Amino acid sequence: MANLASTLCNQGRLEEAEKLEVQVMETRKTKLGADHPSTLTSISNLASTYTNQGRLEEAEKLFVQVIETLQTKLGADHPDTLTNMANLASTLWNQGRLEEAEKLFVQVMETRKTKLGAGHPDTLMSMDNLGHTWNSMDKKTEAMDLMRTCVCL
């Protein structure tokens, strides 16, 4: 059902996807527990759907919940934790909360540079996200410098 929900989301059928994601999340909570990795993935998927629906405050709450649990269970530098932090940063960016988004994007980028290397695709995506954030914040020089670095890698 999770795969079907993902397909529905990709087709823009967000209400149908949401219903399935809630069902999957609730089932996983009951069968596996609230802090099981599969349950957390379901919560994160629902948060992403909320983001796509423009329900940014609801998405933010779910991302925060997932991040807090992942930091405790897997650590702050685990790839799943970093992915959810980047998703939260994007949600904050969409809310116009650029300074908060910037802080998270910097943290994710620096951790990925250390763990994965500067040329890793996830690190490059983090650099791109931060560059766009700086551009939106009118930090044009910093944005251009980071984007140039990103292209050179």
N, C-alpha and C. Protein backbone atom coordinates (compact mmCIF):
# COMPACT_ATOMS: atom_id res chain seq x y z
N MET A 1 0.82 -1.20 0.00
CA MET A 1 0.00 0.00 0.00
C MET A 1 0.86 1.26 0.00
N ALA A 2 2.02 1.18 0.65
CA ALA A 2 2.91 2.34 0.67
C ALA A 2 3.36 2.69 -0.74
N ASN A 3 3.65 1.67 -1.55
CA ASN A 3 4.06 1.92 -2.94
C ASN A 3 2.93 2.52 -3.75
N LEU A 4 1.72 2.07 -3.51
CA LEU A 4 0.56 2.64 -4.20
C LEU A 4 0.38 4.10 -3.81
N ALA A 5 0.54 4.40 -2.53
CA ALA A 5 0.43 5.79 -2.07
C ALA A 5 1.48 6.66 -2.75
N SER A 6 2.69 6.15 -2.88
CA SER A 6 3.75 6.89 -3.55
C SER A 6 3.40 7.14 -5.02
N THR A 7 2.86 6.14 -5.67
CA THR A 7 2.44 6.28 -7.07
C THR A 7 1.34 7.32 -7.20
N LEU A 8 0.37 7.27 -6.30
CA LEU A 8 -0.72 8.25 -6.33
C LEU A 8 -0.18 9.66 -6.12
N CYS A 9 0.75 9.79 -5.22
CA CYS A 9 1.36 11.11 -4.96
C CYS A 9 2.07 11.61 -6.22
N ASN A 10 2.82 10.73 -6.86
CA ASN A 10 3.53 11.10 -8.09
C ASN A 10 2.57 11.48 -9.22
N GLN A 11 1.36 10.95 -9.18
CA GLN A 11 0.35 11.28 -10.17
C GLN A 11 -0.44 12.53 -9.80
N GLY A 12 -0.12 13.12 -8.65
CA GLY A 12 -0.83 14.31 -8.20
C GLY A 12 -2.15 14.00 -7.52
N ARG A 13 -2.40 12.77 -7.23
CA ARG A 13 -3.65 12.36 -6.57
C ARG A 13 -3.40 12.36 -5.05
N LEU A 14 -3.22 13.56 -4.53
CA LEU A 14 -2.72 13.74 -3.17
C LEU A 14 -3.70 13.31 -2.09
N GLU A 15 -4.98 13.55 -2.30
CA GLU A 15 -5.96 13.15 -1.28
C GLU A 15 -6.02 11.63 -1.14
N GLU A 16 -5.99 10.94 -2.27
CA GLU A 16 -5.99 9.48 -2.23
C GLU A 16 -4.71 8.96 -1.59
N ALA A 17 -3.59 9.58 -1.95
CA ALA A 17 -2.30 9.19 -1.37
C ALA A 17 -2.31 9.40 0.14
N GLU A 18 -2.83 10.54 0.56
CA GLU A 18 -2.89 10.84 1.99
C GLU A 18 -3.67 9.77 2.76
N LYS A 19 -4.82 9.39 2.25
CA LYS A 19 -5.64 8.38 2.93
C LYS A 19 -4.88 7.07 3.10
N LEU A 20 -4.21 6.65 2.05
CA LEU A 20 -3.43 5.42 2.13
C LEU A 20 -2.25 5.57 3.09
N GLU A 21 -1.58 6.70 3.04
CA GLU A 21 -0.43 6.93 3.92
C GLU A 21 -0.83 6.92 5.38
N VAL A 22 -1.96 7.52 5.69
CA VAL A 22 -2.46 7.50 7.07
C VAL A 22 -2.74 6.06 7.49
N GLN A 23 -3.36 5.31 6.61
CA GLN A 23 -3.68 3.91 6.91
C GLN A 23 -2.40 3.09 7.13
N VAL A 24 -1.41 3.26 6.27
CA VAL A 24 -0.13 2.56 6.41
C VAL A 24 0.55 2.96 7.71
N MET A 25 0.57 4.26 7.99
CA MET A 25 1.21 4.76 9.20
C MET A 25 0.56 4.16 10.45
N GLU A 26 -0.76 4.19 10.50
CA GLU A 26 -1.47 3.67 11.67
C GLU A 26 -1.23 2.16 11.83
N THR A 27 -1.26 1.44 10.74
CA THR A 27 -1.01 0.00 10.80
C THR A 27 0.40 -0.29 11.30
N ARG A 28 1.36 0.44 10.78
CA ARG A 28 2.75 0.24 11.21
C ARG A 28 2.94 0.62 12.67
N LYS A 29 2.29 1.69 13.11
CA LYS A 29 2.38 2.06 14.53
C LYS A 29 1.88 0.92 15.41
N THR A 30 0.75 0.33 15.02
CA THR A 30 0.14 -0.74 15.79
C THR A 30 0.99 -2.01 15.76
N LYS A 31 1.44 -2.39 14.57
CA LYS A 31 2.15 -3.67 14.40
C LYS A 31 3.63 -3.59 14.77
N LEU A 32 4.27 -2.46 14.47
CA LEU A 32 5.72 -2.35 14.63
C LEU A 32 6.17 -1.43 15.75
N GLY A 33 5.29 -0.50 16.12
CA GLY A 33 5.65 0.49 17.14
C GLY A 33 5.89 1.85 16.52
N ALA A 34 5.72 2.88 17.33
CA ALA A 34 5.79 4.26 16.85
C ALA A 34 7.19 4.67 16.40
N ASP A 35 8.23 4.04 16.96
CA ASP A 35 9.59 4.47 16.62
C ASP A 35 10.32 3.47 15.72
N HIS A 36 9.60 2.55 15.11
CA HIS A 36 10.20 1.62 14.16
C HIS A 36 10.56 2.38 12.88
N PRO A 37 11.69 2.06 12.26
CA PRO A 37 12.09 2.77 11.03
C PRO A 37 11.02 2.79 9.94
N SER A 38 10.29 1.71 9.76
CA SER A 38 9.24 1.69 8.73
C SER A 38 8.10 2.63 9.08
N THR A 39 7.78 2.71 10.37
CA THR A 39 6.74 3.64 10.81
C THR A 39 7.19 5.08 10.57
N LEU A 40 8.45 5.35 10.90
CA LEU A 40 8.98 6.70 10.71
C LEU A 40 9.01 7.08 9.23
N THR A 41 9.30 6.11 8.37
CA THR A 41 9.25 6.37 6.93
C THR A 41 7.83 6.73 6.51
N SER A 42 6.85 6.03 7.07
CA SER A 42 5.45 6.33 6.75
C SER A 42 5.06 7.73 7.20
N ILE A 43 5.51 8.12 8.37
CA ILE A 43 5.22 9.46 8.89
C ILE A 43 5.87 10.51 7.99
N SER A 44 7.11 10.26 7.60
CA SER A 44 7.82 11.18 6.72
C SER A 44 7.13 11.30 5.36
N ASN A 45 6.67 10.17 4.83
CA ASN A 45 5.94 10.21 3.56
C ASN A 45 4.67 11.04 3.67
N LEU A 46 3.96 10.88 4.78
CA LEU A 46 2.75 11.67 5.00
C LEU A 46 3.10 13.16 5.10
N ALA A 47 4.20 13.46 5.79
CA ALA A 47 4.63 14.86 5.89
C ALA A 47 4.93 15.44 4.51
N SER A 48 5.57 14.66 3.66
CA SER A 48 5.86 15.12 2.30
C SER A 48 4.58 15.38 1.51
N THR A 49 3.60 14.52 1.70
CA THR A 49 2.31 14.73 1.04
C THR A 49 1.65 16.00 1.56
N TYR A 50 1.70 16.22 2.86
CA TYR A 50 1.16 17.46 3.42
C TYR A 50 1.87 18.67 2.80
N THR A 51 3.19 18.57 2.64
CA THR A 51 3.93 19.67 2.01
C THR A 51 3.40 19.91 0.60
N ASN A 52 3.23 18.84 -0.16
CA ASN A 52 2.72 18.97 -1.53
C ASN A 52 1.30 19.53 -1.57
N GLN A 53 0.54 19.33 -0.50
CA GLN A 53 -0.82 19.86 -0.41
C GLN A 53 -0.83 21.30 0.12
N GLY A 54 0.33 21.82 0.50
CA GLY A 54 0.40 23.16 1.07
C GLY A 54 0.06 23.21 2.54
N ARG A 55 -0.01 22.07 3.18
CA ARG A 55 -0.33 21.98 4.61
C ARG A 55 0.99 21.97 5.38
N LEU A 56 1.67 23.12 5.33
CA LEU A 56 3.05 23.21 5.76
C LEU A 56 3.23 23.08 7.27
N GLU A 57 2.31 23.62 8.04
CA GLU A 57 2.45 23.50 9.50
C GLU A 57 2.28 22.06 9.95
N GLU A 58 1.35 21.33 9.33
CA GLU A 58 1.17 19.92 9.67
C GLU A 58 2.40 19.11 9.25
N ALA A 59 2.93 19.43 8.08
CA ALA A 59 4.14 18.75 7.61
C ALA A 59 5.30 19.01 8.56
N GLU A 60 5.45 20.26 8.97
CA GLU A 60 6.54 20.62 9.88
C GLU A 60 6.48 19.79 11.16
N LYS A 61 5.30 19.69 11.76
CA LYS A 61 5.17 18.93 13.00
C LYS A 61 5.58 17.48 12.83
N LEU A 62 5.17 16.88 11.72
CA LEU A 62 5.53 15.48 11.48
C LEU A 62 7.03 15.32 11.24
N PHE A 63 7.61 16.22 10.45
CA PHE A 63 9.06 16.14 10.22
C PHE A 63 9.83 16.29 11.53
N VAL A 64 9.42 17.21 12.38
CA VAL A 64 10.10 17.40 13.67
C VAL A 64 10.00 16.12 14.50
N GLN A 65 8.82 15.52 14.52
CA GLN A 65 8.62 14.28 15.27
C GLN A 65 9.56 13.18 14.76
N VAL A 66 9.64 13.03 13.46
CA VAL A 66 10.50 12.00 12.86
C VAL A 66 11.96 12.28 13.17
N ILE A 67 12.38 13.53 13.02
CA ILE A 67 13.78 13.90 13.25
C ILE A 67 14.17 13.63 14.70
N GLU A 68 13.33 14.03 15.63
CA GLU A 68 13.65 13.81 17.05
C GLU A 68 13.82 12.32 17.35
N THR A 69 12.95 11.50 16.80
CA THR A 69 13.05 10.05 17.03
C THR A 69 14.29 9.48 16.35
N LEU A 70 14.54 9.89 15.11
CA LEU A 70 15.71 9.38 14.39
C LEU A 70 17.01 9.79 15.06
N GLN A 71 17.07 11.01 15.57
CA GLN A 71 18.29 11.45 16.25
C GLN A 71 18.57 10.58 17.47
N THR A 72 17.52 10.21 18.18
CA THR A 72 17.68 9.36 19.35
C THR A 72 18.04 7.94 18.95
N LYS A 73 17.35 7.40 17.95
CA LYS A 73 17.53 5.99 17.58
C LYS A 73 18.76 5.74 16.69
N LEU A 74 19.00 6.64 15.74
CA LEU A 74 20.04 6.39 14.74
C LEU A 74 21.20 7.38 14.78
N GLY A 75 20.97 8.54 15.39
CA GLY A 75 22.00 9.56 15.47
C GLY A 75 21.73 10.73 14.55
N ALA A 76 22.33 11.86 14.90
CA ALA A 76 22.10 13.10 14.16
C ALA A 76 22.72 13.08 12.77
N ASP A 77 23.72 12.22 12.55
CA ASP A 77 24.39 12.21 11.25
C ASP A 77 23.99 11.02 10.37
N HIS A 78 22.94 10.31 10.76
CA HIS A 78 22.45 9.19 9.95
C HIS A 78 21.78 9.75 8.68
N PRO A 79 21.94 9.07 7.55
CA PRO A 79 21.34 9.56 6.30
C PRO A 79 19.84 9.83 6.38
N ASP A 80 19.09 8.97 7.07
CA ASP A 80 17.64 9.19 7.20
C ASP A 80 17.34 10.45 8.00
N THR A 81 18.13 10.68 9.05
CA THR A 81 17.95 11.89 9.85
C THR A 81 18.22 13.12 8.99
N LEU A 82 19.31 13.09 8.24
CA LEU A 82 19.69 14.23 7.40
C LEU A 82 18.66 14.49 6.30
N THR A 83 18.13 13.43 5.71
CA THR A 83 17.10 13.60 4.68
C THR A 83 15.87 14.29 5.25
N ASN A 84 15.45 13.87 6.43
CA ASN A 84 14.28 14.50 7.05
C ASN A 84 14.58 15.93 7.49
N MET A 85 15.81 16.20 7.91
CA MET A 85 16.19 17.58 8.24
C MET A 85 16.13 18.46 7.00
N ALA A 86 16.60 17.93 5.87
CA ALA A 86 16.53 18.69 4.61
C ALA A 86 15.08 18.92 4.20
N ASN A 87 14.24 17.91 4.39
CA ASN A 87 12.82 18.07 4.07
C ASN A 87 12.17 19.11 4.98
N LEU A 88 12.53 19.11 6.25
CA LEU A 88 12.01 20.13 7.17
C LEU A 88 12.49 21.51 6.74
N ALA A 89 13.76 21.61 6.37
CA ALA A 89 14.30 22.90 5.92
C ALA A 89 13.53 23.41 4.70
N SER A 90 13.22 22.52 3.77
CA SER A 90 12.44 22.92 2.59
C SER A 90 11.05 23.38 2.98
N THR A 91 10.46 22.71 3.95
CA THR A 91 9.14 23.11 4.44
C THR A 91 9.20 24.49 5.08
N LEU A 92 10.24 24.74 5.87
CA LEU A 92 10.42 26.06 6.47
C LEU A 92 10.63 27.12 5.39
N TRP A 93 11.42 26.77 4.38
CA TRP A 93 11.66 27.69 3.26
C TRP A 93 10.34 28.05 2.59
N ASN A 94 9.50 27.04 2.37
CA ASN A 94 8.19 27.28 1.74
C ASN A 94 7.28 28.15 2.60
N GLN A 95 7.54 28.19 3.90
CA GLN A 95 6.77 29.05 4.80
C GLN A 95 7.37 30.45 4.88
N GLY A 96 8.47 30.68 4.19
CA GLY A 96 9.13 31.98 4.25
C GLY A 96 10.03 32.15 5.46
N ARG A 97 10.30 31.08 6.15
CA ARG A 97 11.14 31.12 7.36
C ARG A 97 12.58 30.80 6.95
N LEU A 98 13.16 31.74 6.21
CA LEU A 98 14.42 31.51 5.53
C LEU A 98 15.60 31.33 6.47
N GLU A 99 15.64 32.09 7.56
CA GLU A 99 16.76 31.96 8.49
C GLU A 99 16.79 30.58 9.14
N GLU A 100 15.62 30.07 9.49
CA GLU A 100 15.54 28.73 10.08
C GLU A 100 15.91 27.67 9.05
N ALA A 101 15.44 27.86 7.83
CA ALA A 101 15.78 26.93 6.75
C ALA A 101 17.28 26.95 6.49
N GLU A 102 17.85 28.14 6.45
CA GLU A 102 19.29 28.28 6.22
C GLU A 102 20.09 27.50 7.26
N LYS A 103 19.73 27.66 8.51
CA LYS A 103 20.46 26.99 9.59
C LYS A 103 20.45 25.47 9.39
N LEU A 104 19.29 24.92 9.07
CA LEU A 104 19.19 23.47 8.85
C LEU A 104 19.94 23.04 7.59
N PHE A 105 19.79 23.81 6.51
CA PHE A 105 20.50 23.45 5.27
C PHE A 105 22.01 23.46 5.47
N VAL A 106 22.53 24.43 6.24
CA VAL A 106 23.97 24.47 6.52
C VAL A 106 24.38 23.23 7.31
N GLN A 107 23.60 22.90 8.33
CA GLN A 107 23.91 21.74 9.16
C GLN A 107 23.92 20.45 8.33
N VAL A 108 22.91 20.28 7.49
CA VAL A 108 22.83 19.09 6.65
C VAL A 108 24.00 19.05 5.67
N MET A 109 24.29 20.18 5.04
CA MET A 109 25.37 20.22 4.06
C MET A 109 26.71 19.89 4.71
N GLU A 110 27.00 20.51 5.84
CA GLU A 110 28.29 20.28 6.50
C GLU A 110 28.43 18.83 6.96
N THR A 111 27.36 18.26 7.49
CA THR A 111 27.41 16.87 7.93
C THR A 111 27.60 15.94 6.74
N ARG A 112 26.91 16.20 5.66
CA ARG A 112 27.06 15.36 4.47
C ARG A 112 28.45 15.49 3.87
N LYS A 113 29.01 16.69 3.88
CA LYS A 113 30.39 16.86 3.39
C LYS A 113 31.34 15.98 4.18
N THR A 114 31.18 16.00 5.50
CA THR A 114 32.05 15.23 6.38
C THR A 114 31.84 13.73 6.19
N LYS A 115 30.60 13.30 6.15
CA LYS A 115 30.28 11.87 6.10
C LYS A 115 30.39 11.27 4.70
N LEU A 116 29.97 12.02 3.69
CA LEU A 116 29.85 11.46 2.34
C LEU A 116 30.88 12.01 1.36
N GLY A 117 31.44 13.17 1.68
CA GLY A 117 32.36 13.83 0.77
C GLY A 117 31.67 14.94 -0.01
N ALA A 118 32.46 15.90 -0.45
CA ALA A 118 31.91 17.08 -1.13
C ALA A 118 31.25 16.75 -2.46
N GLY A 119 31.73 15.71 -3.14
CA GLY A 119 31.20 15.40 -4.46
C GLY A 119 30.03 14.42 -4.48
N HIS A 120 29.59 13.97 -3.33
CA HIS A 120 28.47 13.02 -3.28
C HIS A 120 27.18 13.72 -3.73
N PRO A 121 26.31 13.01 -4.46
CA PRO A 121 25.07 13.64 -4.94
C PRO A 121 24.21 14.25 -3.82
N ASP A 122 24.14 13.61 -2.66
CA ASP A 122 23.35 14.17 -1.56
C ASP A 122 23.97 15.47 -1.05
N THR A 123 25.30 15.51 -1.00
CA THR A 123 25.99 16.74 -0.58
C THR A 123 25.74 17.85 -1.59
N LEU A 124 25.84 17.51 -2.87
CA LEU A 124 25.62 18.50 -3.92
C LEU A 124 24.19 19.04 -3.87
N MET A 125 23.23 18.18 -3.59
CA MET A 125 21.83 18.62 -3.46
C MET A 125 21.70 19.58 -2.27
N SER A 126 22.40 19.27 -1.19
CA SER A 126 22.38 20.15 -0.02
C SER A 126 22.97 21.51 -0.35
N MET A 127 24.05 21.50 -1.11
CA MET A 127 24.67 22.76 -1.52
C MET A 127 23.72 23.57 -2.40
N ASP A 128 23.05 22.89 -3.30
CA ASP A 128 22.08 23.55 -4.17
C ASP A 128 20.94 24.17 -3.35
N ASN A 129 20.41 23.40 -2.41
CA ASN A 129 19.34 23.92 -1.55
C ASN A 129 19.78 25.16 -0.78
N LEU A 130 20.99 25.10 -0.23
CA LEU A 130 21.50 26.24 0.52
C LEU A 130 21.73 27.43 -0.40
N GLY A 131 22.26 27.17 -1.59
CA GLY A 131 22.47 28.26 -2.55
C GLY A 131 21.18 28.97 -2.91
N HIS A 132 20.13 28.21 -3.15
CA HIS A 132 18.83 28.82 -3.46
C HIS A 132 18.28 29.59 -2.25
N THR A 133 18.53 29.07 -1.07
CA THR A 133 18.08 29.77 0.14
C THR A 133 18.81 31.09 0.27
N TRP A 134 20.13 31.07 0.09
CA TRP A 134 20.89 32.31 0.17
C TRP A 134 20.44 33.29 -0.90
N ASN A 135 20.15 32.81 -2.08
CA ASN A 135 19.65 33.69 -3.13
C ASN A 135 18.34 34.35 -2.70
N SER A 136 17.45 33.58 -2.10
CA SER A 136 16.17 34.13 -1.61
C SER A 136 16.36 35.12 -0.48
N MET A 137 17.47 34.97 0.24
CA MET A 137 17.76 35.87 1.36
C MET A 137 18.56 37.09 0.91
N ASP A 138 18.77 37.23 -0.38
CA ASP A 138 19.54 38.32 -0.98
C ASP A 138 21.03 38.23 -0.63
N LYS A 139 21.50 37.03 -0.37
CA LYS A 139 22.93 36.79 -0.16
C LYS A 139 23.49 36.27 -1.49
N LYS A 140 23.45 37.16 -2.47
CA LYS A 140 23.76 36.77 -3.85
C LYS A 140 25.19 36.29 -4.02
N THR A 141 26.15 36.97 -3.39
CA THR A 141 27.55 36.58 -3.54
C THR A 141 27.79 35.19 -2.99
N GLU A 142 27.27 34.94 -1.77
CA GLU A 142 27.43 33.62 -1.15
C GLU A 142 26.76 32.54 -1.99
N ALA A 143 25.58 32.87 -2.51
CA ALA A 143 24.83 31.91 -3.33
C ALA A 143 25.62 31.57 -4.59
N MET A 144 26.14 32.57 -5.27
CA MET A 144 26.89 32.34 -6.51
C MET A 144 28.16 31.55 -6.24
N ASP A 145 28.87 31.89 -5.17
CA ASP A 145 30.10 31.17 -4.83
C ASP A 145 29.81 29.70 -4.56
N LEU A 146 28.75 29.44 -3.82
CA LEU A 146 28.40 28.05 -3.50
C LEU A 146 27.97 27.30 -4.75
N MET A 147 27.19 27.95 -5.60
CA MET A 147 26.75 27.29 -6.83
C MET A 147 27.93 27.00 -7.76
N ARG A 148 28.89 27.91 -7.82
CA ARG A 148 30.09 27.66 -8.63
C ARG A 148 30.85 26.44 -8.10
N THR A 149 30.99 26.39 -6.78
CA THR A 149 31.66 25.24 -6.16
C THR A 149 30.92 23.96 -6.49
N CYS A 150 29.61 24.02 -6.41
CA CYS A 150 28.76 22.85 -6.69
C CYS A 150 28.96 22.37 -8.12
N VAL A 151 29.01 23.28 -9.06
CA VAL A 151 29.18 22.93 -10.47
C VAL A 151 30.57 22.33 -10.72
N CYS A 152 31.57 22.86 -10.03
CA CYS A 152 32.94 22.37 -10.21
C CYS A 152 33.14 20.97 -9.66
N LEU A 153 32.32 20.59 -8.69
CA LEU A 153 32.46 19.25 -8.10
C LEU A 153 31.79 18.24 -8.99
